[in-house]
Amino acid sequence: MAKEEIRKMTGVLAAVFAHTGHISKEDAKEISGLDDSTFEEAYQKASTIADKVMKAPGNKMDAFLTHYAKVIDELTKSFDPGYF
């Protein structure tokens, strides 16, 4: 279970870079190791993050970390609470 959730986190992270043109969408999918439909879900989340970051005033990295942290929180809900 945790392995798949970590792949999803990796997929969202890689897809943000694909969405912003730094790598190809195919490269992001390969990096994530996700199947097509699960990667598309990750790509949609990444698209939302990228849009919010581009619209955010100030430091873009701070905005990215804020929005990516929400994805991490969502995907780690099932993990042992003693670790997070």
PDB file of N, CA and C in Angstrom:
ATOM      1  N   MET A   1       0.815  -1.191   0.000  1.00  0.00           N
ATOM      2  CA  MET A   1       0.000   0.000   0.000  1.00  0.00           C
ATOM      3  C   MET A   1       0.864   1.262   0.000  1.00  0.00           C
ATOM      4  N   ALA A   2       1.815   1.358   0.915  1.00  0.00           N
ATOM      5  CA  ALA A   2       2.653   2.551   0.993  1.00  0.00           C
ATOM      6  C   ALA A   2       3.447   2.756  -0.294  1.00  0.00           C
ATOM      7  N   LYS A   3       3.881   1.665  -0.900  1.00  0.00           N
ATOM      8  CA  LYS A   3       4.666   1.770  -2.133  1.00  0.00           C
ATOM      9  C   LYS A   3       3.862   2.478  -3.219  1.00  0.00           C
ATOM     10  N   GLU A   4       2.601   2.145  -3.361  1.00  0.00           N
ATOM     11  CA  GLU A   4       1.750   2.760  -4.387  1.00  0.00           C
ATOM     12  C   GLU A   4       1.507   4.241  -4.075  1.00  0.00           C
ATOM     13  N   GLU A   5       1.315   4.553  -2.811  1.00  0.00           N
ATOM     14  CA  GLU A   5       1.097   5.957  -2.441  1.00  0.00           C
ATOM     15  C   GLU A   5       2.352   6.789  -2.711  1.00  0.00           C
ATOM     16  N   ILE A   6       3.519   6.209  -2.466  1.00  0.00           N
ATOM     17  CA  ILE A   6       4.770   6.913  -2.753  1.00  0.00           C
ATOM     18  C   ILE A   6       4.943   7.090  -4.257  1.00  0.00           C
ATOM     19  N   ARG A   7       4.556   6.099  -5.030  1.00  0.00           N
ATOM     20  CA  ARG A   7       4.585   6.261  -6.492  1.00  0.00           C
ATOM     21  C   ARG A   7       3.684   7.409  -6.921  1.00  0.00           C
ATOM     22  N   LYS A   8       2.523   7.516  -6.296  1.00  0.00           N
ATOM     23  CA  LYS A   8       1.606   8.612  -6.639  1.00  0.00           C
ATOM     24  C   LYS A   8       2.222   9.962  -6.298  1.00  0.00           C
ATOM     25  N   MET A   9       2.881  10.058  -5.129  1.00  0.00           N
ATOM     26  CA  MET A   9       3.556  11.306  -4.763  1.00  0.00           C
ATOM     27  C   MET A   9       4.641  11.640  -5.780  1.00  0.00           C
ATOM     28  N   THR A  10       5.403  10.623  -6.156  1.00  0.00           N
ATOM     29  CA  THR A  10       6.462  10.812  -7.149  1.00  0.00           C
ATOM     30  C   THR A  10       5.856  11.212  -8.490  1.00  0.00           C
ATOM     31  N   GLY A  11       4.730  10.599  -8.828  1.00  0.00           N
ATOM     32  CA  GLY A  11       4.045  10.933 -10.071  1.00  0.00           C
ATOM     33  C   GLY A  11       3.607  12.382 -10.113  1.00  0.00           C
ATOM     34  N   VAL A  12       3.040  12.866  -9.016  1.00  0.00           N
ATOM     35  CA  VAL A  12       2.623  14.271  -8.964  1.00  0.00           C
ATOM     36  C   VAL A  12       3.836  15.178  -9.077  1.00  0.00           C
ATOM     37  N   LEU A  13       4.886  14.867  -8.342  1.00  0.00           N
ATOM     38  CA  LEU A  13       6.100  15.688  -8.392  1.00  0.00           C
ATOM     39  C   LEU A  13       6.668  15.739  -9.811  1.00  0.00           C
ATOM     40  N   ALA A  14       6.834  14.585 -10.429  1.00  0.00           N
ATOM     41  CA  ALA A  14       7.375  14.546 -11.793  1.00  0.00           C
ATOM     42  C   ALA A  14       6.436  15.228 -12.774  1.00  0.00           C
ATOM     43  N   ALA A  15       5.136  15.057 -12.578  1.00  0.00           N
ATOM     44  CA  ALA A  15       4.158  15.652 -13.496  1.00  0.00           C
ATOM     45  C   ALA A  15       4.136  17.176 -13.405  1.00  0.00           C
ATOM     46  N   VAL A  16       4.453  17.734 -12.245  1.00  0.00           N
ATOM     47  CA  VAL A  16       4.559  19.196 -12.151  1.00  0.00           C
ATOM     48  C   VAL A  16       5.650  19.679 -13.107  1.00  0.00           C
ATOM     49  N   PHE A  17       6.777  18.964 -13.102  1.00  0.00           N
ATOM     50  CA  PHE A  17       7.868  19.359 -14.000  1.00  0.00           C
ATOM     51  C   PHE A  17       7.496  19.132 -15.466  1.00  0.00           C
ATOM     52  N   ALA A  18       6.699  18.124 -15.742  1.00  0.00           N
ATOM     53  CA  ALA A  18       6.216  17.908 -17.108  1.00  0.00           C
ATOM     54  C   ALA A  18       5.235  19.006 -17.500  1.00  0.00           C
ATOM     55  N   HIS A  19       4.348  19.333 -16.586  1.00  0.00           N
ATOM     56  CA  HIS A  19       3.336  20.354 -16.866  1.00  0.00           C
ATOM     57  C   HIS A  19       3.984  21.710 -17.152  1.00  0.00           C
ATOM     58  N   THR A  20       5.098  21.983 -16.501  1.00  0.00           N
ATOM     59  CA  THR A  20       5.774  23.264 -16.710  1.00  0.00           C
ATOM     60  C   THR A  20       6.810  23.208 -17.827  1.00  0.00           C
ATOM     61  N   GLY A  21       6.922  22.055 -18.501  1.00  0.00           N
ATOM     62  CA  GLY A  21       7.771  21.963 -19.680  1.00  0.00           C
ATOM     63  C   GLY A  21       9.223  21.600 -19.428  1.00  0.00           C
ATOM     64  N   HIS A  22       9.563  21.194 -18.220  1.00  0.00           N
ATOM     65  CA  HIS A  22      10.952  20.859 -17.926  1.00  0.00           C
ATOM     66  C   HIS A  22      11.323  19.437 -18.346  1.00  0.00           C
ATOM     67  N   ILE A  23      10.345  18.541 -18.335  1.00  0.00           N
ATOM     68  CA  ILE A  23      10.517  17.182 -18.848  1.00  0.00           C
ATOM     69  C   ILE A  23       9.248  16.824 -19.619  1.00  0.00           C
ATOM     70  N   SER A  24       9.306  15.763 -20.368  1.00  0.00           N
ATOM     71  CA  SER A  24       8.116  15.347 -21.118  1.00  0.00           C
ATOM     72  C   SER A  24       7.142  14.610 -20.203  1.00  0.00           C
ATOM     73  N   LYS A  25       5.907  14.570 -20.624  1.00  0.00           N
ATOM     74  CA  LYS A  25       4.887  13.840 -19.879  1.00  0.00           C
ATOM     75  C   LYS A  25       5.247  12.353 -19.830  1.00  0.00           C
ATOM     76  N   GLU A  26       5.801  11.838 -20.904  1.00  0.00           N
ATOM     77  CA  GLU A  26       6.210  10.436 -20.954  1.00  0.00           C
ATOM     78  C   GLU A  26       7.328  10.154 -19.948  1.00  0.00           C
ATOM     79  N   ASP A  27       8.277  11.093 -19.841  1.00  0.00           N
ATOM     80  CA  ASP A  27       9.356  10.928 -18.855  1.00  0.00           C
ATOM     81  C   ASP A  27       8.795  10.935 -17.436  1.00  0.00           C
ATOM     82  N   ALA A  28       7.854  11.820 -17.183  1.00  0.00           N
ATOM     83  CA  ALA A  28       7.246  11.879 -15.850  1.00  0.00           C
ATOM     84  C   ALA A  28       6.529  10.577 -15.523  1.00  0.00           C
ATOM     85  N   LYS A  29       5.825  10.025 -16.496  1.00  0.00           N
ATOM     86  CA  LYS A  29       5.128   8.750 -16.284  1.00  0.00           C
ATOM     87  C   LYS A  29       6.133   7.644 -15.999  1.00  0.00           C
ATOM     88  N   GLU A  30       7.215   7.627 -16.747  1.00  0.00           N
ATOM     89  CA  GLU A  30       8.255   6.613 -16.538  1.00  0.00           C
ATOM     90  C   GLU A  30       8.869   6.741 -15.139  1.00  0.00           C
ATOM     91  N   ILE A  31       9.159   7.956 -14.726  1.00  0.00           N
ATOM     92  CA  ILE A  31       9.734   8.203 -13.404  1.00  0.00           C
ATOM     93  C   ILE A  31       8.798   7.701 -12.315  1.00  0.00           C
ATOM     94  N   SER A  32       7.506   7.929 -12.502  1.00  0.00           N
ATOM     95  CA  SER A  32       6.532   7.561 -11.471  1.00  0.00           C
ATOM     96  C   SER A  32       6.325   6.058 -11.340  1.00  0.00           C
ATOM     97  N   GLY A  33       6.417   5.345 -12.452  1.00  0.00           N
ATOM     98  CA  GLY A  33       6.135   3.915 -12.434  1.00  0.00           C
ATOM     99  C   GLY A  33       4.653   3.589 -12.324  1.00  0.00           C
ATOM    100  N   LEU A  34       3.803   4.584 -12.563  1.00  0.00           N
ATOM    101  CA  LEU A  34       2.354   4.397 -12.458  1.00  0.00           C
ATOM    102  C   LEU A  34       1.756   3.900 -13.768  1.00  0.00           C
ATOM    103  N   ASP A  35       0.613   3.219 -13.664  1.00  0.00           N
ATOM    104  CA  ASP A  35      -0.107   2.834 -14.879  1.00  0.00           C
ATOM    105  C   ASP A  35      -0.762   4.084 -15.480  1.00  0.00           C
ATOM    106  N   ASP A  36      -1.284   3.955 -16.690  1.00  0.00           N
ATOM    107  CA  ASP A  36      -1.813   5.109 -17.430  1.00  0.00           C
ATOM    108  C   ASP A  36      -2.879   5.883 -16.665  1.00  0.00           C
ATOM    109  N   SER A  37      -3.890   5.185 -16.157  1.00  0.00           N
ATOM    110  CA  SER A  37      -5.005   5.896 -15.511  1.00  0.00           C
ATOM    111  C   SER A  37      -4.569   6.546 -14.193  1.00  0.00           C
ATOM    112  N   THR A  38      -3.739   5.876 -13.429  1.00  0.00           N
ATOM    113  CA  THR A  38      -3.278   6.453 -12.163  1.00  0.00           C
ATOM    114  C   THR A  38      -2.361   7.634 -12.428  1.00  0.00           C
ATOM    115  N   PHE A  39      -1.536   7.540 -13.476  1.00  0.00           N
ATOM    116  CA  PHE A  39      -0.677   8.675 -13.815  1.00  0.00           C
ATOM    117  C   PHE A  39      -1.517   9.867 -14.249  1.00  0.00           C
ATOM    118  N   GLU A  40      -2.586   9.636 -14.977  1.00  0.00           N
ATOM    119  CA  GLU A  40      -3.445  10.755 -15.395  1.00  0.00           C
ATOM    120  C   GLU A  40      -4.041  11.471 -14.188  1.00  0.00           C
ATOM    121  N   GLU A  41      -4.387  10.718 -13.155  1.00  0.00           N
ATOM    122  CA  GLU A  41      -4.870  11.342 -11.918  1.00  0.00           C
ATOM    123  C   GLU A  41      -3.769  12.203 -11.300  1.00  0.00           C
ATOM    124  N   ALA A  42      -2.557  11.673 -11.266  1.00  0.00           N
ATOM    125  CA  ALA A  42      -1.422  12.423 -10.730  1.00  0.00           C
ATOM    126  C   ALA A  42      -1.156  13.665 -11.578  1.00  0.00           C
ATOM    127  N   TYR A  43      -1.278  13.526 -12.880  1.00  0.00           N
ATOM    128  CA  TYR A  43      -1.034  14.655 -13.779  1.00  0.00           C
ATOM    129  C   TYR A  43      -2.066  15.756 -13.565  1.00  0.00           C
ATOM    130  N   GLN A  44      -3.303  15.378 -13.313  1.00  0.00           N
ATOM    131  CA  GLN A  44      -4.343  16.374 -13.043  1.00  0.00           C
ATOM    132  C   GLN A  44      -4.042  17.129 -11.744  1.00  0.00           C
ATOM    133  N   LYS A  45      -3.607  16.411 -10.722  1.00  0.00           N
ATOM    134  CA  LYS A  45      -3.226  17.069  -9.468  1.00  0.00           C
ATOM    135  C   LYS A  45      -2.048  18.005  -9.714  1.00  0.00           C
ATOM    136  N   ALA A  46      -1.094  17.560 -10.498  1.00  0.00           N
ATOM    137  CA  ALA A  46       0.077  18.381 -10.809  1.00  0.00           C
ATOM    138  C   ALA A  46      -0.320  19.629 -11.588  1.00  0.00           C
ATOM    139  N   SER A  47      -1.274  19.480 -12.485  1.00  0.00           N
ATOM    140  CA  SER A  47      -1.756  20.614 -13.258  1.00  0.00           C
ATOM    141  C   SER A  47      -2.357  21.671 -12.341  1.00  0.00           C
ATOM    142  N   THR A  48      -3.131  21.220 -11.374  1.00  0.00           N
ATOM    143  CA  THR A  48      -3.731  22.141 -10.406  1.00  0.00           C
ATOM    144  C   THR A  48      -2.651  22.840  -9.595  1.00  0.00           C
ATOM    145  N   ILE A  49      -1.665  22.076  -9.151  1.00  0.00           N
ATOM    146  CA  ILE A  49      -0.558  22.671  -8.389  1.00  0.00           C
ATOM    147  C   ILE A  49       0.175  23.701  -9.243  1.00  0.00           C
ATOM    148  N   ALA A  50       0.523  23.339 -10.456  1.00  0.00           N
ATOM    149  CA  ALA A  50       1.274  24.248 -11.328  1.00  0.00           C
ATOM    150  C   ALA A  50       0.495  25.533 -11.586  1.00  0.00           C
ATOM    151  N   ASP A  51      -0.798  25.415 -11.808  1.00  0.00           N
ATOM    152  CA  ASP A  51      -1.624  26.607 -12.030  1.00  0.00           C
ATOM    153  C   ASP A  51      -1.629  27.513 -10.798  1.00  0.00           C
ATOM    154  N   LYS A  52      -1.769  26.925  -9.626  1.00  0.00           N
ATOM    155  CA  LYS A  52      -1.778  27.708  -8.392  1.00  0.00           C
ATOM    156  C   LYS A  52      -0.428  28.369  -8.155  1.00  0.00           C
ATOM    157  N   VAL A  53       0.641  27.658  -8.447  1.00  0.00           N
ATOM    158  CA  VAL A  53       1.981  28.209  -8.256  1.00  0.00           C
ATOM    159  C   VAL A  53       2.214  29.383  -9.196  1.00  0.00           C
ATOM    160  N   MET A  54       1.811  29.229 -10.437  1.00  0.00           N
ATOM    161  CA  MET A  54       2.031  30.304 -11.411  1.00  0.00           C
ATOM    162  C   MET A  54       1.247  31.565 -11.040  1.00  0.00           C
ATOM    163  N   LYS A  55       0.119  31.401 -10.398  1.00  0.00           N
ATOM    164  CA  LYS A  55      -0.713  32.548 -10.006  1.00  0.00           C
ATOM    165  C   LYS A  55      -0.310  33.142  -8.661  1.00  0.00           C
ATOM    166  N   ALA A  56       0.500  32.429  -7.906  1.00  0.00           N
ATOM    167  CA  ALA A  56       0.865  32.865  -6.562  1.00  0.00           C
ATOM    168  C   ALA A  56       1.846  34.032  -6.617  1.00  0.00           C
ATOM    169  N   PRO A  57       1.612  35.019  -5.765  1.00  0.00           N
ATOM    170  CA  PRO A  57       2.585  36.108  -5.683  1.00  0.00           C
ATOM    171  C   PRO A  57       3.802  35.659  -4.868  1.00  0.00           C
ATOM    172  N   GLY A  58       4.891  36.316  -5.051  1.00  0.00           N
ATOM    173  CA  GLY A  58       6.069  36.036  -4.231  1.00  0.00           C
ATOM    174  C   GLY A  58       6.822  34.799  -4.659  1.00  0.00           C
ATOM    175  N   ASN A  59       7.378  34.136  -3.684  1.00  0.00           N
ATOM    176  CA  ASN A  59       8.261  33.004  -3.903  1.00  0.00           C
ATOM    177  C   ASN A  59       7.475  31.795  -4.428  1.00  0.00           C
ATOM    178  N   LYS A  60       7.768  31.396  -5.643  1.00  0.00           N
ATOM    179  CA  LYS A  60       7.068  30.273  -6.271  1.00  0.00           C
ATOM    180  C   LYS A  60       7.374  28.951  -5.580  1.00  0.00           C
ATOM    181  N   MET A  61       8.576  28.784  -5.064  1.00  0.00           N
ATOM    182  CA  MET A  61       8.924  27.540  -4.382  1.00  0.00           C
ATOM    183  C   MET A  61       8.103  27.376  -3.118  1.00  0.00           C
ATOM    184  N   ASP A  62       7.895  28.463  -2.379  1.00  0.00           N
ATOM    185  CA  ASP A  62       7.048  28.389  -1.191  1.00  0.00           C
ATOM    186  C   ASP A  62       5.634  27.959  -1.574  1.00  0.00           C
ATOM    187  N   ALA A  63       5.113  28.515  -2.646  1.00  0.00           N
ATOM    188  CA  ALA A  63       3.767  28.156  -3.109  1.00  0.00           C
ATOM    189  C   ALA A  63       3.725  26.698  -3.541  1.00  0.00           C
ATOM    190  N   PHE A  64       4.751  26.260  -4.270  1.00  0.00           N
ATOM    191  CA  PHE A  64       4.801  24.864  -4.698  1.00  0.00           C
ATOM    192  C   PHE A  64       4.791  23.930  -3.494  1.00  0.00           C
ATOM    193  N   LEU A  65       5.647  24.202  -2.520  1.00  0.00           N
ATOM    194  CA  LEU A  65       5.746  23.337  -1.344  1.00  0.00           C
ATOM    195  C   LEU A  65       4.437  23.301  -0.558  1.00  0.00           C
ATOM    196  N   THR A  66       3.769  24.427  -0.464  1.00  0.00           N
ATOM    197  CA  THR A  66       2.486  24.484   0.233  1.00  0.00           C
ATOM    198  C   THR A  66       1.466  23.583  -0.438  1.00  0.00           C
ATOM    199  N   HIS A  67       1.364  23.672  -1.760  1.00  0.00           N
ATOM    200  CA  HIS A  67       0.350  22.894  -2.483  1.00  0.00           C
ATOM    201  C   HIS A  67       0.737  21.421  -2.615  1.00  0.00           C
ATOM    202  N   TYR A  68       2.017  21.143  -2.788  1.00  0.00           N
ATOM    203  CA  TYR A  68       2.466  19.753  -2.869  1.00  0.00           C
ATOM    204  C   TYR A  68       2.298  19.063  -1.514  1.00  0.00           C
ATOM    205  N   ALA A  69       2.507  19.805  -0.436  1.00  0.00           N
ATOM    206  CA  ALA A  69       2.335  19.242   0.910  1.00  0.00           C
ATOM    207  C   ALA A  69       0.908  18.745   1.116  1.00  0.00           C
ATOM    208  N   LYS A  70      -0.060  19.416   0.521  1.00  0.00           N
ATOM    209  CA  LYS A  70      -1.458  18.970   0.635  1.00  0.00           C
ATOM    210  C   LYS A  70      -1.651  17.609  -0.025  1.00  0.00           C
ATOM    211  N   VAL A  71      -0.983  17.387  -1.150  1.00  0.00           N
ATOM    212  CA  VAL A  71      -1.043  16.089  -1.826  1.00  0.00           C
ATOM    213  C   VAL A  71      -0.389  15.022  -0.947  1.00  0.00           C
ATOM    214  N   ILE A  72       0.742  15.354  -0.382  1.00  0.00           N
ATOM    215  CA  ILE A  72       1.431  14.405   0.504  1.00  0.00           C
ATOM    216  C   ILE A  72       0.549  14.056   1.693  1.00  0.00           C
ATOM    217  N   ASP A  73      -0.059  15.059   2.294  1.00  0.00           N
ATOM    218  CA  ASP A  73      -0.962  14.809   3.429  1.00  0.00           C
ATOM    219  C   ASP A  73      -2.087  13.858   3.029  1.00  0.00           C
ATOM    220  N   GLU A  74      -2.668  14.107   1.877  1.00  0.00           N
ATOM    221  CA  GLU A  74      -3.767  13.272   1.382  1.00  0.00           C
ATOM    222  C   GLU A  74      -3.316  11.827   1.178  1.00  0.00           C
ATOM    223  N   LEU A  75      -2.147  11.659   0.589  1.00  0.00           N
ATOM    224  CA  LEU A  75      -1.676  10.318   0.243  1.00  0.00           C
ATOM    225  C   LEU A  75      -1.068   9.549   1.415  1.00  0.00           C
ATOM    226  N   THR A  76      -0.746  10.233   2.488  1.00  0.00           N
ATOM    227  CA  THR A  76      -0.154   9.540   3.630  1.00  0.00           C
ATOM    228  C   THR A  76      -1.129   9.345   4.790  1.00  0.00           C
ATOM    229  N   LYS A  77      -2.389   9.623   4.566  1.00  0.00           N
ATOM    230  CA  LYS A  77      -3.394   9.453   5.620  1.00  0.00           C
ATOM    231  C   LYS A  77      -3.427   8.031   6.167  1.00  0.00           C
ATOM    232  N   SER A  78      -3.160   7.054   5.318  1.00  0.00           N
ATOM    233  CA  SER A  78      -3.236   5.669   5.737  1.00  0.00           C
ATOM    234  C   SER A  78      -1.949   5.184   6.409  1.00  0.00           C
ATOM    235  N   PHE A  79      -0.907   5.983   6.424  1.00  0.00           N
ATOM    236  CA  PHE A  79       0.353   5.599   7.034  1.00  0.00           C
ATOM    237  C   PHE A  79       0.234   5.651   8.556  1.00  0.00           C
ATOM    238  N   ASP A  80       1.143   4.992   9.217  1.00  0.00           N
ATOM    239  CA  ASP A  80       1.205   4.992  10.669  1.00  0.00           C
ATOM    240  C   ASP A  80       1.373   6.430  11.155  1.00  0.00           C
ATOM    241  N   PRO A  81       0.450   6.944  11.969  1.00  0.00           N
ATOM    242  CA  PRO A  81       0.532   8.335  12.411  1.00  0.00           C
ATOM    243  C   PRO A  81       1.766   8.646  13.254  1.00  0.00           C
ATOM    244  N   GLY A  82       2.436   7.626  13.758  1.00  0.00           N
ATOM    245  CA  GLY A  82       3.655   7.850  14.526  1.00  0.00           C
ATOM    246  C   GLY A  82       4.809   8.362  13.688  1.00  0.00           C
ATOM    247  N   TYR A  83       4.687   8.224  12.365  1.00  0.00           N
ATOM    248  CA  TYR A  83       5.766   8.652  11.475  1.00  0.00           C
ATOM    249  C   TYR A  83       5.567  10.056  10.951  1.00  0.00           C
ATOM    250  N   PHE A  84       4.338  10.562  10.987  1.00  0.00           N
ATOM    251  CA  PHE A  84       4.080  11.906  10.435  1.00  0.00           C
ATOM    252  C   PHE A  84       3.290  12.727  11.409  1.00  0.00           C
TER     253      PHE A  84
END
